[in-house]
Amino acid sequence: EKQSGKISIADQQGSEQENRRRELL
């Protein structure tokens, strides 16, 4: 399947961390 380009790609899991926005020290 990999050789043929038929590769299963897992969906990105949504999480609170993806939406979290803060400035790092």
PDBML (XML) file of the C-alpha atoms, coordinates in Angstrom:
<?xml version="1.0" encoding="UTF-8" ?>
<PDBx:datablock datablockName="MODEL"
   xmlns:PDBx="http://pdbml.pdb.org/schema/pdbx-v50.xsd"
   xmlns:xsi="http://www.w3.org/2001/XMLSchema-instance"
   xsi:schemaLocation="http://pdbml.pdb.org/schema/pdbx-v50.xsd pdbx-v50.xsd">
   <PDBx:atom_siteCategory>
      <PDBx:atom_site id="1">
         <PDBx:B_iso_or_equiv>0.00</PDBx:B_iso_or_equiv>
         <PDBx:Cartn_x>0.000</PDBx:Cartn_x>
         <PDBx:Cartn_y>0.000</PDBx:Cartn_y>
         <PDBx:Cartn_z>0.000</PDBx:Cartn_z>
         <PDBx:auth_asym_id>A</PDBx:auth_asym_id>
         <PDBx:auth_atom_id>CA</PDBx:auth_atom_id>
         <PDBx:auth_comp_id>GLU</PDBx:auth_comp_id>
         <PDBx:auth_seq_id>1</PDBx:auth_seq_id>
         <PDBx:group_PDB>ATOM</PDBx:group_PDB>
         <PDBx:label_alt_id xsi:nil="true" />
         <PDBx:label_asym_id>A</PDBx:label_asym_id>
         <PDBx:label_atom_id>CA</PDBx:label_atom_id>
         <PDBx:label_comp_id>GLU</PDBx:label_comp_id>
         <PDBx:label_entity_id>1</PDBx:label_entity_id>
         <PDBx:label_seq_id>1</PDBx:label_seq_id>
         <PDBx:occupancy>1.00</PDBx:occupancy>
         <PDBx:pdbx_PDB_model_num>1</PDBx:pdbx_PDB_model_num>
         <PDBx:type_symbol>C</PDBx:type_symbol>
      </PDBx:atom_site>
      <PDBx:atom_site id="2">
         <PDBx:B_iso_or_equiv>0.00</PDBx:B_iso_or_equiv>
         <PDBx:Cartn_x>2.878</PDBx:Cartn_x>
         <PDBx:Cartn_y>2.325</PDBx:Cartn_y>
         <PDBx:Cartn_z>0.760</PDBx:Cartn_z>
         <PDBx:auth_asym_id>A</PDBx:auth_asym_id>
         <PDBx:auth_atom_id>CA</PDBx:auth_atom_id>
         <PDBx:auth_comp_id>LYS</PDBx:auth_comp_id>
         <PDBx:auth_seq_id>2</PDBx:auth_seq_id>
         <PDBx:group_PDB>ATOM</PDBx:group_PDB>
         <PDBx:label_alt_id xsi:nil="true" />
         <PDBx:label_asym_id>A</PDBx:label_asym_id>
         <PDBx:label_atom_id>CA</PDBx:label_atom_id>
         <PDBx:label_comp_id>LYS</PDBx:label_comp_id>
         <PDBx:label_entity_id>1</PDBx:label_entity_id>
         <PDBx:label_seq_id>2</PDBx:label_seq_id>
         <PDBx:occupancy>1.00</PDBx:occupancy>
         <PDBx:pdbx_PDB_model_num>1</PDBx:pdbx_PDB_model_num>
         <PDBx:type_symbol>C</PDBx:type_symbol>
      </PDBx:atom_site>
      <PDBx:atom_site id="3">
         <PDBx:B_iso_or_equiv>0.00</PDBx:B_iso_or_equiv>
         <PDBx:Cartn_x>4.487</PDBx:Cartn_x>
         <PDBx:Cartn_y>1.487</PDBx:Cartn_y>
         <PDBx:Cartn_z>-2.586</PDBx:Cartn_z>
         <PDBx:auth_asym_id>A</PDBx:auth_asym_id>
         <PDBx:auth_atom_id>CA</PDBx:auth_atom_id>
         <PDBx:auth_comp_id>GLN</PDBx:auth_comp_id>
         <PDBx:auth_seq_id>3</PDBx:auth_seq_id>
         <PDBx:group_PDB>ATOM</PDBx:group_PDB>
         <PDBx:label_alt_id xsi:nil="true" />
         <PDBx:label_asym_id>A</PDBx:label_asym_id>
         <PDBx:label_atom_id>CA</PDBx:label_atom_id>
         <PDBx:label_comp_id>GLN</PDBx:label_comp_id>
         <PDBx:label_entity_id>1</PDBx:label_entity_id>
         <PDBx:label_seq_id>3</PDBx:label_seq_id>
         <PDBx:occupancy>1.00</PDBx:occupancy>
         <PDBx:pdbx_PDB_model_num>1</PDBx:pdbx_PDB_model_num>
         <PDBx:type_symbol>C</PDBx:type_symbol>
      </PDBx:atom_site>
      <PDBx:atom_site id="4">
         <PDBx:B_iso_or_equiv>0.00</PDBx:B_iso_or_equiv>
         <PDBx:Cartn_x>1.230</PDBx:Cartn_x>
         <PDBx:Cartn_y>2.285</PDBx:Cartn_y>
         <PDBx:Cartn_z>-4.396</PDBx:Cartn_z>
         <PDBx:auth_asym_id>A</PDBx:auth_asym_id>
         <PDBx:auth_atom_id>CA</PDBx:auth_atom_id>
         <PDBx:auth_comp_id>SER</PDBx:auth_comp_id>
         <PDBx:auth_seq_id>4</PDBx:auth_seq_id>
         <PDBx:group_PDB>ATOM</PDBx:group_PDB>
         <PDBx:label_alt_id xsi:nil="true" />
         <PDBx:label_asym_id>A</PDBx:label_asym_id>
         <PDBx:label_atom_id>CA</PDBx:label_atom_id>
         <PDBx:label_comp_id>SER</PDBx:label_comp_id>
         <PDBx:label_entity_id>1</PDBx:label_entity_id>
         <PDBx:label_seq_id>4</PDBx:label_seq_id>
         <PDBx:occupancy>1.00</PDBx:occupancy>
         <PDBx:pdbx_PDB_model_num>1</PDBx:pdbx_PDB_model_num>
         <PDBx:type_symbol>C</PDBx:type_symbol>
      </PDBx:atom_site>
      <PDBx:atom_site id="5">
         <PDBx:B_iso_or_equiv>0.00</PDBx:B_iso_or_equiv>
         <PDBx:Cartn_x>0.727</PDBx:Cartn_x>
         <PDBx:Cartn_y>5.553</PDBx:Cartn_y>
         <PDBx:Cartn_z>-2.540</PDBx:Cartn_z>
         <PDBx:auth_asym_id>A</PDBx:auth_asym_id>
         <PDBx:auth_atom_id>CA</PDBx:auth_atom_id>
         <PDBx:auth_comp_id>GLY</PDBx:auth_comp_id>
         <PDBx:auth_seq_id>5</PDBx:auth_seq_id>
         <PDBx:group_PDB>ATOM</PDBx:group_PDB>
         <PDBx:label_alt_id xsi:nil="true" />
         <PDBx:label_asym_id>A</PDBx:label_asym_id>
         <PDBx:label_atom_id>CA</PDBx:label_atom_id>
         <PDBx:label_comp_id>GLY</PDBx:label_comp_id>
         <PDBx:label_entity_id>1</PDBx:label_entity_id>
         <PDBx:label_seq_id>5</PDBx:label_seq_id>
         <PDBx:occupancy>1.00</PDBx:occupancy>
         <PDBx:pdbx_PDB_model_num>1</PDBx:pdbx_PDB_model_num>
         <PDBx:type_symbol>C</PDBx:type_symbol>
      </PDBx:atom_site>
      <PDBx:atom_site id="6">
         <PDBx:B_iso_or_equiv>0.00</PDBx:B_iso_or_equiv>
         <PDBx:Cartn_x>-2.283</PDBx:Cartn_x>
         <PDBx:Cartn_y>4.160</PDBx:Cartn_y>
         <PDBx:Cartn_z>-0.720</PDBx:Cartn_z>
         <PDBx:auth_asym_id>A</PDBx:auth_asym_id>
         <PDBx:auth_atom_id>CA</PDBx:auth_atom_id>
         <PDBx:auth_comp_id>LYS</PDBx:auth_comp_id>
         <PDBx:auth_seq_id>6</PDBx:auth_seq_id>
         <PDBx:group_PDB>ATOM</PDBx:group_PDB>
         <PDBx:label_alt_id xsi:nil="true" />
         <PDBx:label_asym_id>A</PDBx:label_asym_id>
         <PDBx:label_atom_id>CA</PDBx:label_atom_id>
         <PDBx:label_comp_id>LYS</PDBx:label_comp_id>
         <PDBx:label_entity_id>1</PDBx:label_entity_id>
         <PDBx:label_seq_id>6</PDBx:label_seq_id>
         <PDBx:occupancy>1.00</PDBx:occupancy>
         <PDBx:pdbx_PDB_model_num>1</PDBx:pdbx_PDB_model_num>
         <PDBx:type_symbol>C</PDBx:type_symbol>
      </PDBx:atom_site>
      <PDBx:atom_site id="7">
         <PDBx:B_iso_or_equiv>0.00</PDBx:B_iso_or_equiv>
         <PDBx:Cartn_x>-1.225</PDBx:Cartn_x>
         <PDBx:Cartn_y>5.249</PDBx:Cartn_y>
         <PDBx:Cartn_z>2.766</PDBx:Cartn_z>
         <PDBx:auth_asym_id>A</PDBx:auth_asym_id>
         <PDBx:auth_atom_id>CA</PDBx:auth_atom_id>
         <PDBx:auth_comp_id>ILE</PDBx:auth_comp_id>
         <PDBx:auth_seq_id>7</PDBx:auth_seq_id>
         <PDBx:group_PDB>ATOM</PDBx:group_PDB>
         <PDBx:label_alt_id xsi:nil="true" />
         <PDBx:label_asym_id>A</PDBx:label_asym_id>
         <PDBx:label_atom_id>CA</PDBx:label_atom_id>
         <PDBx:label_comp_id>ILE</PDBx:label_comp_id>
         <PDBx:label_entity_id>1</PDBx:label_entity_id>
         <PDBx:label_seq_id>7</PDBx:label_seq_id>
         <PDBx:occupancy>1.00</PDBx:occupancy>
         <PDBx:pdbx_PDB_model_num>1</PDBx:pdbx_PDB_model_num>
         <PDBx:type_symbol>C</PDBx:type_symbol>
      </PDBx:atom_site>
      <PDBx:atom_site id="8">
         <PDBx:B_iso_or_equiv>0.00</PDBx:B_iso_or_equiv>
         <PDBx:Cartn_x>-3.614</PDBx:Cartn_x>
         <PDBx:Cartn_y>5.647</PDBx:Cartn_y>
         <PDBx:Cartn_z>5.661</PDBx:Cartn_z>
         <PDBx:auth_asym_id>A</PDBx:auth_asym_id>
         <PDBx:auth_atom_id>CA</PDBx:auth_atom_id>
         <PDBx:auth_comp_id>SER</PDBx:auth_comp_id>
         <PDBx:auth_seq_id>8</PDBx:auth_seq_id>
         <PDBx:group_PDB>ATOM</PDBx:group_PDB>
         <PDBx:label_alt_id xsi:nil="true" />
         <PDBx:label_asym_id>A</PDBx:label_asym_id>
         <PDBx:label_atom_id>CA</PDBx:label_atom_id>
         <PDBx:label_comp_id>SER</PDBx:label_comp_id>
         <PDBx:label_entity_id>1</PDBx:label_entity_id>
         <PDBx:label_seq_id>8</PDBx:label_seq_id>
         <PDBx:occupancy>1.00</PDBx:occupancy>
         <PDBx:pdbx_PDB_model_num>1</PDBx:pdbx_PDB_model_num>
         <PDBx:type_symbol>C</PDBx:type_symbol>
      </PDBx:atom_site>
      <PDBx:atom_site id="9">
         <PDBx:B_iso_or_equiv>0.00</PDBx:B_iso_or_equiv>
         <PDBx:Cartn_x>-3.048</PDBx:Cartn_x>
         <PDBx:Cartn_y>8.955</PDBx:Cartn_y>
         <PDBx:Cartn_z>7.394</PDBx:Cartn_z>
         <PDBx:auth_asym_id>A</PDBx:auth_asym_id>
         <PDBx:auth_atom_id>CA</PDBx:auth_atom_id>
         <PDBx:auth_comp_id>ILE</PDBx:auth_comp_id>
         <PDBx:auth_seq_id>9</PDBx:auth_seq_id>
         <PDBx:group_PDB>ATOM</PDBx:group_PDB>
         <PDBx:label_alt_id xsi:nil="true" />
         <PDBx:label_asym_id>A</PDBx:label_asym_id>
         <PDBx:label_atom_id>CA</PDBx:label_atom_id>
         <PDBx:label_comp_id>ILE</PDBx:label_comp_id>
         <PDBx:label_entity_id>1</PDBx:label_entity_id>
         <PDBx:label_seq_id>9</PDBx:label_seq_id>
         <PDBx:occupancy>1.00</PDBx:occupancy>
         <PDBx:pdbx_PDB_model_num>1</PDBx:pdbx_PDB_model_num>
         <PDBx:type_symbol>C</PDBx:type_symbol>
      </PDBx:atom_site>
      <PDBx:atom_site id="10">
         <PDBx:B_iso_or_equiv>0.00</PDBx:B_iso_or_equiv>
         <PDBx:Cartn_x>-4.384</PDBx:Cartn_x>
         <PDBx:Cartn_y>9.380</PDBx:Cartn_y>
         <PDBx:Cartn_z>10.901</PDBx:Cartn_z>
         <PDBx:auth_asym_id>A</PDBx:auth_asym_id>
         <PDBx:auth_atom_id>CA</PDBx:auth_atom_id>
         <PDBx:auth_comp_id>ALA</PDBx:auth_comp_id>
         <PDBx:auth_seq_id>10</PDBx:auth_seq_id>
         <PDBx:group_PDB>ATOM</PDBx:group_PDB>
         <PDBx:label_alt_id xsi:nil="true" />
         <PDBx:label_asym_id>A</PDBx:label_asym_id>
         <PDBx:label_atom_id>CA</PDBx:label_atom_id>
         <PDBx:label_comp_id>ALA</PDBx:label_comp_id>
         <PDBx:label_entity_id>1</PDBx:label_entity_id>
         <PDBx:label_seq_id>10</PDBx:label_seq_id>
         <PDBx:occupancy>1.00</PDBx:occupancy>
         <PDBx:pdbx_PDB_model_num>1</PDBx:pdbx_PDB_model_num>
         <PDBx:type_symbol>C</PDBx:type_symbol>
      </PDBx:atom_site>
      <PDBx:atom_site id="11">
         <PDBx:B_iso_or_equiv>0.00</PDBx:B_iso_or_equiv>
         <PDBx:Cartn_x>-6.500</PDBx:Cartn_x>
         <PDBx:Cartn_y>12.466</PDBx:Cartn_y>
         <PDBx:Cartn_z>11.462</PDBx:Cartn_z>
         <PDBx:auth_asym_id>A</PDBx:auth_asym_id>
         <PDBx:auth_atom_id>CA</PDBx:auth_atom_id>
         <PDBx:auth_comp_id>ASP</PDBx:auth_comp_id>
         <PDBx:auth_seq_id>11</PDBx:auth_seq_id>
         <PDBx:group_PDB>ATOM</PDBx:group_PDB>
         <PDBx:label_alt_id xsi:nil="true" />
         <PDBx:label_asym_id>A</PDBx:label_asym_id>
         <PDBx:label_atom_id>CA</PDBx:label_atom_id>
         <PDBx:label_comp_id>ASP</PDBx:label_comp_id>
         <PDBx:label_entity_id>1</PDBx:label_entity_id>
         <PDBx:label_seq_id>11</PDBx:label_seq_id>
         <PDBx:occupancy>1.00</PDBx:occupancy>
         <PDBx:pdbx_PDB_model_num>1</PDBx:pdbx_PDB_model_num>
         <PDBx:type_symbol>C</PDBx:type_symbol>
      </PDBx:atom_site>
      <PDBx:atom_site id="12">
         <PDBx:B_iso_or_equiv>0.00</PDBx:B_iso_or_equiv>
         <PDBx:Cartn_x>-5.009</PDBx:Cartn_x>
         <PDBx:Cartn_y>15.079</PDBx:Cartn_y>
         <PDBx:Cartn_z>13.719</PDBx:Cartn_z>
         <PDBx:auth_asym_id>A</PDBx:auth_asym_id>
         <PDBx:auth_atom_id>CA</PDBx:auth_atom_id>
         <PDBx:auth_comp_id>GLN</PDBx:auth_comp_id>
         <PDBx:auth_seq_id>12</PDBx:auth_seq_id>
         <PDBx:group_PDB>ATOM</PDBx:group_PDB>
         <PDBx:label_alt_id xsi:nil="true" />
         <PDBx:label_asym_id>A</PDBx:label_asym_id>
         <PDBx:label_atom_id>CA</PDBx:label_atom_id>
         <PDBx:label_comp_id>GLN</PDBx:label_comp_id>
         <PDBx:label_entity_id>1</PDBx:label_entity_id>
         <PDBx:label_seq_id>12</PDBx:label_seq_id>
         <PDBx:occupancy>1.00</PDBx:occupancy>
         <PDBx:pdbx_PDB_model_num>1</PDBx:pdbx_PDB_model_num>
         <PDBx:type_symbol>C</PDBx:type_symbol>
      </PDBx:atom_site>
      <PDBx:atom_site id="13">
         <PDBx:B_iso_or_equiv>0.00</PDBx:B_iso_or_equiv>
         <PDBx:Cartn_x>-6.630</PDBx:Cartn_x>
         <PDBx:Cartn_y>14.949</PDBx:Cartn_y>
         <PDBx:Cartn_z>17.100</PDBx:Cartn_z>
         <PDBx:auth_asym_id>A</PDBx:auth_asym_id>
         <PDBx:auth_atom_id>CA</PDBx:auth_atom_id>
         <PDBx:auth_comp_id>GLN</PDBx:auth_comp_id>
         <PDBx:auth_seq_id>13</PDBx:auth_seq_id>
         <PDBx:group_PDB>ATOM</PDBx:group_PDB>
         <PDBx:label_alt_id xsi:nil="true" />
         <PDBx:label_asym_id>A</PDBx:label_asym_id>
         <PDBx:label_atom_id>CA</PDBx:label_atom_id>
         <PDBx:label_comp_id>GLN</PDBx:label_comp_id>
         <PDBx:label_entity_id>1</PDBx:label_entity_id>
         <PDBx:label_seq_id>13</PDBx:label_seq_id>
         <PDBx:occupancy>1.00</PDBx:occupancy>
         <PDBx:pdbx_PDB_model_num>1</PDBx:pdbx_PDB_model_num>
         <PDBx:type_symbol>C</PDBx:type_symbol>
      </PDBx:atom_site>
      <PDBx:atom_site id="14">
         <PDBx:B_iso_or_equiv>0.00</PDBx:B_iso_or_equiv>
         <PDBx:Cartn_x>-8.118</PDBx:Cartn_x>
         <PDBx:Cartn_y>18.183</PDBx:Cartn_y>
         <PDBx:Cartn_z>18.244</PDBx:Cartn_z>
         <PDBx:auth_asym_id>A</PDBx:auth_asym_id>
         <PDBx:auth_atom_id>CA</PDBx:auth_atom_id>
         <PDBx:auth_comp_id>GLY</PDBx:auth_comp_id>
         <PDBx:auth_seq_id>14</PDBx:auth_seq_id>
         <PDBx:group_PDB>ATOM</PDBx:group_PDB>
         <PDBx:label_alt_id xsi:nil="true" />
         <PDBx:label_asym_id>A</PDBx:label_asym_id>
         <PDBx:label_atom_id>CA</PDBx:label_atom_id>
         <PDBx:label_comp_id>GLY</PDBx:label_comp_id>
         <PDBx:label_entity_id>1</PDBx:label_entity_id>
         <PDBx:label_seq_id>14</PDBx:label_seq_id>
         <PDBx:occupancy>1.00</PDBx:occupancy>
         <PDBx:pdbx_PDB_model_num>1</PDBx:pdbx_PDB_model_num>
         <PDBx:type_symbol>C</PDBx:type_symbol>
      </PDBx:atom_site>
      <PDBx:atom_site id="15">
         <PDBx:B_iso_or_equiv>0.00</PDBx:B_iso_or_equiv>
         <PDBx:Cartn_x>-7.271</PDBx:Cartn_x>
         <PDBx:Cartn_y>19.251</PDBx:Cartn_y>
         <PDBx:Cartn_z>21.758</PDBx:Cartn_z>
         <PDBx:auth_asym_id>A</PDBx:auth_asym_id>
         <PDBx:auth_atom_id>CA</PDBx:auth_atom_id>
         <PDBx:auth_comp_id>SER</PDBx:auth_comp_id>
         <PDBx:auth_seq_id>15</PDBx:auth_seq_id>
         <PDBx:group_PDB>ATOM</PDBx:group_PDB>
         <PDBx:label_alt_id xsi:nil="true" />
         <PDBx:label_asym_id>A</PDBx:label_asym_id>
         <PDBx:label_atom_id>CA</PDBx:label_atom_id>
         <PDBx:label_comp_id>SER</PDBx:label_comp_id>
         <PDBx:label_entity_id>1</PDBx:label_entity_id>
         <PDBx:label_seq_id>15</PDBx:label_seq_id>
         <PDBx:occupancy>1.00</PDBx:occupancy>
         <PDBx:pdbx_PDB_model_num>1</PDBx:pdbx_PDB_model_num>
         <PDBx:type_symbol>C</PDBx:type_symbol>
      </PDBx:atom_site>
      <PDBx:atom_site id="16">
         <PDBx:B_iso_or_equiv>0.00</PDBx:B_iso_or_equiv>
         <PDBx:Cartn_x>-7.347</PDBx:Cartn_x>
         <PDBx:Cartn_y>22.223</PDBx:Cartn_y>
         <PDBx:Cartn_z>24.011</PDBx:Cartn_z>
         <PDBx:auth_asym_id>A</PDBx:auth_asym_id>
         <PDBx:auth_atom_id>CA</PDBx:auth_atom_id>
         <PDBx:auth_comp_id>GLU</PDBx:auth_comp_id>
         <PDBx:auth_seq_id>16</PDBx:auth_seq_id>
         <PDBx:group_PDB>ATOM</PDBx:group_PDB>
         <PDBx:label_alt_id xsi:nil="true" />
         <PDBx:label_asym_id>A</PDBx:label_asym_id>
         <PDBx:label_atom_id>CA</PDBx:label_atom_id>
         <PDBx:label_comp_id>GLU</PDBx:label_comp_id>
         <PDBx:label_entity_id>1</PDBx:label_entity_id>
         <PDBx:label_seq_id>16</PDBx:label_seq_id>
         <PDBx:occupancy>1.00</PDBx:occupancy>
         <PDBx:pdbx_PDB_model_num>1</PDBx:pdbx_PDB_model_num>
         <PDBx:type_symbol>C</PDBx:type_symbol>
      </PDBx:atom_site>
      <PDBx:atom_site id="17">
         <PDBx:B_iso_or_equiv>0.00</PDBx:B_iso_or_equiv>
         <PDBx:Cartn_x>-3.582</PDBx:Cartn_x>
         <PDBx:Cartn_y>22.486</PDBx:Cartn_y>
         <PDBx:Cartn_z>23.597</PDBx:Cartn_z>
         <PDBx:auth_asym_id>A</PDBx:auth_asym_id>
         <PDBx:auth_atom_id>CA</PDBx:auth_atom_id>
         <PDBx:auth_comp_id>GLN</PDBx:auth_comp_id>
         <PDBx:auth_seq_id>17</PDBx:auth_seq_id>
         <PDBx:group_PDB>ATOM</PDBx:group_PDB>
         <PDBx:label_alt_id xsi:nil="true" />
         <PDBx:label_asym_id>A</PDBx:label_asym_id>
         <PDBx:label_atom_id>CA</PDBx:label_atom_id>
         <PDBx:label_comp_id>GLN</PDBx:label_comp_id>
         <PDBx:label_entity_id>1</PDBx:label_entity_id>
         <PDBx:label_seq_id>17</PDBx:label_seq_id>
         <PDBx:occupancy>1.00</PDBx:occupancy>
         <PDBx:pdbx_PDB_model_num>1</PDBx:pdbx_PDB_model_num>
         <PDBx:type_symbol>C</PDBx:type_symbol>
      </PDBx:atom_site>
      <PDBx:atom_site id="18">
         <PDBx:B_iso_or_equiv>0.00</PDBx:B_iso_or_equiv>
         <PDBx:Cartn_x>-3.940</PDBx:Cartn_x>
         <PDBx:Cartn_y>23.212</PDBx:Cartn_y>
         <PDBx:Cartn_z>19.862</PDBx:Cartn_z>
         <PDBx:auth_asym_id>A</PDBx:auth_asym_id>
         <PDBx:auth_atom_id>CA</PDBx:auth_atom_id>
         <PDBx:auth_comp_id>GLU</PDBx:auth_comp_id>
         <PDBx:auth_seq_id>18</PDBx:auth_seq_id>
         <PDBx:group_PDB>ATOM</PDBx:group_PDB>
         <PDBx:label_alt_id xsi:nil="true" />
         <PDBx:label_asym_id>A</PDBx:label_asym_id>
         <PDBx:label_atom_id>CA</PDBx:label_atom_id>
         <PDBx:label_comp_id>GLU</PDBx:label_comp_id>
         <PDBx:label_entity_id>1</PDBx:label_entity_id>
         <PDBx:label_seq_id>18</PDBx:label_seq_id>
         <PDBx:occupancy>1.00</PDBx:occupancy>
         <PDBx:pdbx_PDB_model_num>1</PDBx:pdbx_PDB_model_num>
         <PDBx:type_symbol>C</PDBx:type_symbol>
      </PDBx:atom_site>
      <PDBx:atom_site id="19">
         <PDBx:B_iso_or_equiv>0.00</PDBx:B_iso_or_equiv>
         <PDBx:Cartn_x>-6.133</PDBx:Cartn_x>
         <PDBx:Cartn_y>26.210</PDBx:Cartn_y>
         <PDBx:Cartn_z>20.609</PDBx:Cartn_z>
         <PDBx:auth_asym_id>A</PDBx:auth_asym_id>
         <PDBx:auth_atom_id>CA</PDBx:auth_atom_id>
         <PDBx:auth_comp_id>ASN</PDBx:auth_comp_id>
         <PDBx:auth_seq_id>19</PDBx:auth_seq_id>
         <PDBx:group_PDB>ATOM</PDBx:group_PDB>
         <PDBx:label_alt_id xsi:nil="true" />
         <PDBx:label_asym_id>A</PDBx:label_asym_id>
         <PDBx:label_atom_id>CA</PDBx:label_atom_id>
         <PDBx:label_comp_id>ASN</PDBx:label_comp_id>
         <PDBx:label_entity_id>1</PDBx:label_entity_id>
         <PDBx:label_seq_id>19</PDBx:label_seq_id>
         <PDBx:occupancy>1.00</PDBx:occupancy>
         <PDBx:pdbx_PDB_model_num>1</PDBx:pdbx_PDB_model_num>
         <PDBx:type_symbol>C</PDBx:type_symbol>
      </PDBx:atom_site>
      <PDBx:atom_site id="20">
         <PDBx:B_iso_or_equiv>0.00</PDBx:B_iso_or_equiv>
         <PDBx:Cartn_x>-4.167</PDBx:Cartn_x>
         <PDBx:Cartn_y>27.400</PDBx:Cartn_y>
         <PDBx:Cartn_z>23.541</PDBx:Cartn_z>
         <PDBx:auth_asym_id>A</PDBx:auth_asym_id>
         <PDBx:auth_atom_id>CA</PDBx:auth_atom_id>
         <PDBx:auth_comp_id>ARG</PDBx:auth_comp_id>
         <PDBx:auth_seq_id>20</PDBx:auth_seq_id>
         <PDBx:group_PDB>ATOM</PDBx:group_PDB>
         <PDBx:label_alt_id xsi:nil="true" />
         <PDBx:label_asym_id>A</PDBx:label_asym_id>
         <PDBx:label_atom_id>CA</PDBx:label_atom_id>
         <PDBx:label_comp_id>ARG</PDBx:label_comp_id>
         <PDBx:label_entity_id>1</PDBx:label_entity_id>
         <PDBx:label_seq_id>20</PDBx:label_seq_id>
         <PDBx:occupancy>1.00</PDBx:occupancy>
         <PDBx:pdbx_PDB_model_num>1</PDBx:pdbx_PDB_model_num>
         <PDBx:type_symbol>C</PDBx:type_symbol>
      </PDBx:atom_site>
      <PDBx:atom_site id="21">
         <PDBx:B_iso_or_equiv>0.00</PDBx:B_iso_or_equiv>
         <PDBx:Cartn_x>-2.333</PDBx:Cartn_x>
         <PDBx:Cartn_y>30.623</PDBx:Cartn_y>
         <PDBx:Cartn_z>22.883</PDBx:Cartn_z>
         <PDBx:auth_asym_id>A</PDBx:auth_asym_id>
         <PDBx:auth_atom_id>CA</PDBx:auth_atom_id>
         <PDBx:auth_comp_id>ARG</PDBx:auth_comp_id>
         <PDBx:auth_seq_id>21</PDBx:auth_seq_id>
         <PDBx:group_PDB>ATOM</PDBx:group_PDB>
         <PDBx:label_alt_id xsi:nil="true" />
         <PDBx:label_asym_id>A</PDBx:label_asym_id>
         <PDBx:label_atom_id>CA</PDBx:label_atom_id>
         <PDBx:label_comp_id>ARG</PDBx:label_comp_id>
         <PDBx:label_entity_id>1</PDBx:label_entity_id>
         <PDBx:label_seq_id>21</PDBx:label_seq_id>
         <PDBx:occupancy>1.00</PDBx:occupancy>
         <PDBx:pdbx_PDB_model_num>1</PDBx:pdbx_PDB_model_num>
         <PDBx:type_symbol>C</PDBx:type_symbol>
      </PDBx:atom_site>
      <PDBx:atom_site id="22">
         <PDBx:B_iso_or_equiv>0.00</PDBx:B_iso_or_equiv>
         <PDBx:Cartn_x>0.051</PDBx:Cartn_x>
         <PDBx:Cartn_y>32.159</PDBx:Cartn_y>
         <PDBx:Cartn_z>25.320</PDBx:Cartn_z>
         <PDBx:auth_asym_id>A</PDBx:auth_asym_id>
         <PDBx:auth_atom_id>CA</PDBx:auth_atom_id>
         <PDBx:auth_comp_id>ARG</PDBx:auth_comp_id>
         <PDBx:auth_seq_id>22</PDBx:auth_seq_id>
         <PDBx:group_PDB>ATOM</PDBx:group_PDB>
         <PDBx:label_alt_id xsi:nil="true" />
         <PDBx:label_asym_id>A</PDBx:label_asym_id>
         <PDBx:label_atom_id>CA</PDBx:label_atom_id>
         <PDBx:label_comp_id>ARG</PDBx:label_comp_id>
         <PDBx:label_entity_id>1</PDBx:label_entity_id>
         <PDBx:label_seq_id>22</PDBx:label_seq_id>
         <PDBx:occupancy>1.00</PDBx:occupancy>
         <PDBx:pdbx_PDB_model_num>1</PDBx:pdbx_PDB_model_num>
         <PDBx:type_symbol>C</PDBx:type_symbol>
      </PDBx:atom_site>
      <PDBx:atom_site id="23">
         <PDBx:B_iso_or_equiv>0.00</PDBx:B_iso_or_equiv>
         <PDBx:Cartn_x>3.405</PDBx:Cartn_x>
         <PDBx:Cartn_y>33.825</PDBx:Cartn_y>
         <PDBx:Cartn_z>25.250</PDBx:Cartn_z>
         <PDBx:auth_asym_id>A</PDBx:auth_asym_id>
         <PDBx:auth_atom_id>CA</PDBx:auth_atom_id>
         <PDBx:auth_comp_id>GLU</PDBx:auth_comp_id>
         <PDBx:auth_seq_id>23</PDBx:auth_seq_id>
         <PDBx:group_PDB>ATOM</PDBx:group_PDB>
         <PDBx:label_alt_id xsi:nil="true" />
         <PDBx:label_asym_id>A</PDBx:label_asym_id>
         <PDBx:label_atom_id>CA</PDBx:label_atom_id>
         <PDBx:label_comp_id>GLU</PDBx:label_comp_id>
         <PDBx:label_entity_id>1</PDBx:label_entity_id>
         <PDBx:label_seq_id>23</PDBx:label_seq_id>
         <PDBx:occupancy>1.00</PDBx:occupancy>
         <PDBx:pdbx_PDB_model_num>1</PDBx:pdbx_PDB_model_num>
         <PDBx:type_symbol>C</PDBx:type_symbol>
      </PDBx:atom_site>
      <PDBx:atom_site id="24">
         <PDBx:B_iso_or_equiv>0.00</PDBx:B_iso_or_equiv>
         <PDBx:Cartn_x>6.298</PDBx:Cartn_x>
         <PDBx:Cartn_y>31.755</PDBx:Cartn_y>
         <PDBx:Cartn_z>26.579</PDBx:Cartn_z>
         <PDBx:auth_asym_id>A</PDBx:auth_asym_id>
         <PDBx:auth_atom_id>CA</PDBx:auth_atom_id>
         <PDBx:auth_comp_id>LEU</PDBx:auth_comp_id>
         <PDBx:auth_seq_id>24</PDBx:auth_seq_id>
         <PDBx:group_PDB>ATOM</PDBx:group_PDB>
         <PDBx:label_alt_id xsi:nil="true" />
         <PDBx:label_asym_id>A</PDBx:label_asym_id>
         <PDBx:label_atom_id>CA</PDBx:label_atom_id>
         <PDBx:label_comp_id>LEU</PDBx:label_comp_id>
         <PDBx:label_entity_id>1</PDBx:label_entity_id>
         <PDBx:label_seq_id>24</PDBx:label_seq_id>
         <PDBx:occupancy>1.00</PDBx:occupancy>
         <PDBx:pdbx_PDB_model_num>1</PDBx:pdbx_PDB_model_num>
         <PDBx:type_symbol>C</PDBx:type_symbol>
      </PDBx:atom_site>
      <PDBx:atom_site id="25">
         <PDBx:B_iso_or_equiv>0.00</PDBx:B_iso_or_equiv>
         <PDBx:Cartn_x>8.793</PDBx:Cartn_x>
         <PDBx:Cartn_y>33.205</PDBx:Cartn_y>
         <PDBx:Cartn_z>28.992</PDBx:Cartn_z>
         <PDBx:auth_asym_id>A</PDBx:auth_asym_id>
         <PDBx:auth_atom_id>CA</PDBx:auth_atom_id>
         <PDBx:auth_comp_id>LEU</PDBx:auth_comp_id>
         <PDBx:auth_seq_id>25</PDBx:auth_seq_id>
         <PDBx:group_PDB>ATOM</PDBx:group_PDB>
         <PDBx:label_alt_id xsi:nil="true" />
         <PDBx:label_asym_id>A</PDBx:label_asym_id>
         <PDBx:label_atom_id>CA</PDBx:label_atom_id>
         <PDBx:label_comp_id>LEU</PDBx:label_comp_id>
         <PDBx:label_entity_id>1</PDBx:label_entity_id>
         <PDBx:label_seq_id>25</PDBx:label_seq_id>
         <PDBx:occupancy>1.00</PDBx:occupancy>
         <PDBx:pdbx_PDB_model_num>1</PDBx:pdbx_PDB_model_num>
         <PDBx:type_symbol>C</PDBx:type_symbol>
      </PDBx:atom_site>
   </PDBx:atom_siteCategory>
</PDBx:datablock>
